Structures are given as C-alpha cells and as structure tokens.
Protein backbone atom coordinates (compact mmCIF):
# COMPACT_ATOMS: atom_id res chain seq x y z
CA UNK A 1 0.00 -0.02 -0.02
CA UNK A 2 1.39 3.37 -0.93
CA UNK A 3 2.02 6.16 1.51
CA UNK A 4 -0.75 8.32 -0.07
CA UNK A 5 -3.30 5.36 0.33
CA UNK A 6 -2.31 4.89 3.95
CA UNK A 7 -2.67 8.52 4.74
CA UNK A 8 -6.05 8.58 2.96
CA UNK A 9 -7.28 5.69 5.05
CA UNK A 10 -6.04 7.33 8.24
CA UNK A 11 -7.87 10.58 7.39
CA UNK A 12 -11.04 8.59 6.53
CA UNK A 13 -10.85 6.69 9.83
CA UNK A 14 -10.28 9.92 11.86
CA UNK A 15 -13.33 11.54 10.00
CA UNK A 16 -15.49 8.58 10.84
CA UNK A 17 -14.69 8.62 14.49
CA UNK A 18 -15.72 12.33 14.59
CA UNK A 19 -19.07 11.36 13.30
CA UNK A 20 -19.70 9.17 16.39
CA UNK A 21 -18.87 11.80 19.03
CA UNK A 22 -21.76 13.07 21.05
CA UNK A 23 -22.36 16.63 20.24
CA UNK A 24 -24.39 19.20 22.23
CA UNK A 25 -27.21 20.47 20.00
CA UNK A 26 -28.61 23.92 20.42
CA UNK A 27 -31.95 23.91 22.15
CA UNK A 28 -34.16 25.69 24.66
CA UNK A 29 -33.08 26.14 28.32
CA UNK A 30 -33.94 23.44 30.78
CA UNK A 31 -36.32 24.81 33.44
CA UNK A 32 -36.96 23.85 36.98
CA UNK A 33 -39.54 25.31 39.48
CA UNK A 34 -39.93 24.48 43.19
CA UNK A 35 -43.01 25.92 45.03
CA UNK A 36 -43.11 26.44 48.75
CA UNK A 37 -46.66 25.06 48.83
CA UNK A 38 -49.48 24.02 46.49
CA UNK A 39 -52.33 25.69 48.16
CA UNK A 40 -52.71 29.46 48.73
CA UNK A 41 -55.15 31.83 50.29
CA UNK A 42 -56.69 34.88 48.58
CA UNK A 43 -54.95 37.22 49.16
CA UNK A 44 -51.62 35.66 50.00
CA UNK A 45 -47.93 35.49 49.01
CA UNK A 46 -46.39 32.49 47.21
CA UNK A 47 -42.70 31.73 47.31
CA UNK A 48 -40.45 29.25 45.49
CA UNK A 49 -37.23 28.85 43.44
CA UNK A 50 -36.71 29.14 39.65
CA UNK A 51 -33.71 27.69 37.78
CA UNK A 52 -32.89 27.87 34.13
CA UNK A 53 -29.75 26.11 32.60
CA UNK A 54 -28.48 26.59 29.02
CA UNK A 55 -24.95 26.05 27.76
CA UNK A 56 -25.23 29.01 25.33
CA UNK A 57 -26.31 31.34 28.19
CA UNK A 58 -29.70 32.48 29.54
CA UNK A 59 -30.83 35.83 28.24
CA UNK A 60 -34.17 36.50 29.87
CA UNK A 61 -36.61 34.83 32.45
CA UNK A 62 -40.26 35.46 33.09
CA UNK A 63 -42.64 34.27 35.70
CA UNK A 64 -46.37 34.77 34.98
CA UNK A 65 -48.69 34.47 37.96
CA UNK A 66 -52.33 34.48 36.91
CA UNK A 67 -52.16 37.52 34.57
CA UNK A 68 -49.19 39.38 36.08
CA UNK A 69 -45.86 38.98 34.35
CA UNK A 70 -42.45 39.42 36.16
CA UNK A 71 -39.21 39.70 34.20
CA UNK A 72 -35.63 38.89 35.16
CA UNK A 73 -32.32 39.36 33.42
CA UNK A 74 -30.22 36.21 32.86
CA UNK A 75 -26.95 38.07 32.19
CA UNK A 76 -26.04 35.34 29.75
CA UNK A 77 -25.05 32.96 32.56
CA UNK A 78 -25.32 29.32 31.81
CA UNK A 79 -27.03 28.57 35.19
CA UNK A 80 -29.45 31.08 36.67
CA UNK A 81 -31.22 30.29 39.94
CA UNK A 82 -33.20 32.40 42.37
CA UNK A 83 -35.93 32.68 44.87
CA UNK A 84 -39.20 34.47 44.21
CA UNK A 85 -42.06 35.87 46.35
CA UNK A 86 -45.15 36.91 44.39
CA UNK A 87 -48.56 38.17 45.67
CA UNK A 88 -51.75 36.20 45.02
CA UNK A 89 -54.66 38.41 44.25
CA UNK A 90 -57.68 38.94 46.54
CA UNK A 91 -61.20 37.80 45.64
CA UNK A 92 -60.29 34.38 44.14
CA UNK A 93 -62.78 31.58 44.77
CA UNK A 94 -61.84 28.57 46.85
CA UNK A 95 -60.58 25.55 44.80
CA UNK A 96 -59.86 27.85 41.86
CA UNK A 97 -56.54 27.28 40.14
CA UNK A 98 -53.88 30.06 39.98
CA UNK A 99 -51.88 29.40 36.89
CA UNK A 100 -48.03 29.86 36.95
CA UNK A 101 -45.90 29.97 33.81
CA UNK A 102 -42.10 30.06 33.90
CA UNK A 103 -40.34 30.95 30.60
CA UNK A 104 -36.76 31.47 29.65
CA UNK A 105 -34.95 32.40 26.40
CA UNK A 106 -31.38 31.68 25.64
CA UNK A 107 -28.87 33.77 23.80
CA UNK A 108 -29.77 31.94 20.47
CA UNK A 109 -33.47 32.84 20.81
CA UNK A 110 -34.80 29.39 21.97
CA UNK A 111 -37.64 29.69 24.38
CA UNK A 112 -38.69 27.13 26.95
CA UNK A 113 -41.94 27.19 29.02
CA UNK A 114 -42.95 25.38 32.19
CA UNK A 115 -46.61 25.49 33.20
CA UNK A 116 -48.15 24.66 36.58
CA UNK A 117 -50.70 25.92 39.03
CA UNK A 118 -51.48 26.25 42.70
CA UNK A 119 -54.98 26.04 44.15
CA UNK A 120 -56.86 28.50 46.34
CA UNK A 121 -57.53 26.72 49.70
CA UNK A 122 -60.93 26.57 51.30
CA UNK A 123 -61.17 28.73 54.33
CA UNK A 124 -60.92 26.95 57.70
CA UNK A 125 -64.16 26.71 59.67
CA UNK A 126 -62.54 28.95 62.45
CA UNK A 127 -61.72 31.71 60.01
CA UNK A 128 -65.23 32.14 58.73
CA UNK A 129 -67.22 35.03 60.39
C-alpha cells in the first residue's frame, strides 16, 4: 500500500470517529420550578425557586402568575437560579387554580416554557365570620 493510500485511510478513519462523538445540539433552556406550597389563600404571597440552565447562556426569564408577568435578566449566565415571592390576588374563589408559567430564552433565541398551578384553599371553619 502506498504512503498516499495509507494517509487517505487514516484521514477517513479519523473523520468517521468524529461522526460518532456526542455533540451538544442547540436547544431551549432546561427549566426547574420548586414551590413552597401548592395551596394558597386569597390574598396571599407565594414563594419558591426558579432555575434555568443553558450551555449557550440564559438571556431572559419570566414568571407569569395568573395574569401578572415578572421579568428577570439572565446576564447570559449558563445557570441562573433564584428565589421568588409573588402576591396572590384577593377575591379568588376557593378551589380555583392560579396558573403559573415560567419561561426562559437563551442567547440563540430558543424559548422554553414550564406551566403549573396552585389552588386556592378553602377557608378553615374557624376563620369564617
């Protein structure tokens, strides 16, 4: 086998092994939300933690509680985590859901969304007047 053929085979083998390597594909951020509790009063305050992870960097984060939208800057960090405290509106009916939506956008423009809800608790018998 000639030197040229051997070099070509080595280059081909090196190129094929490159095809089998695991590559990180661009995609939306991974989102995590932890709530302090699943039932709230009306009015009340709900707390929890939000986390967004993206290898390209997190640009912006939003938390929507019922119809109120809160925005946060991600500062292009790969891992953004923080605590939140948000008000729950007055006048909500017992057992009604309060929707929560956590959204994050990475530096490439990919957006991820995580939806959940908490429930308005029934008043305790001692609290009714």
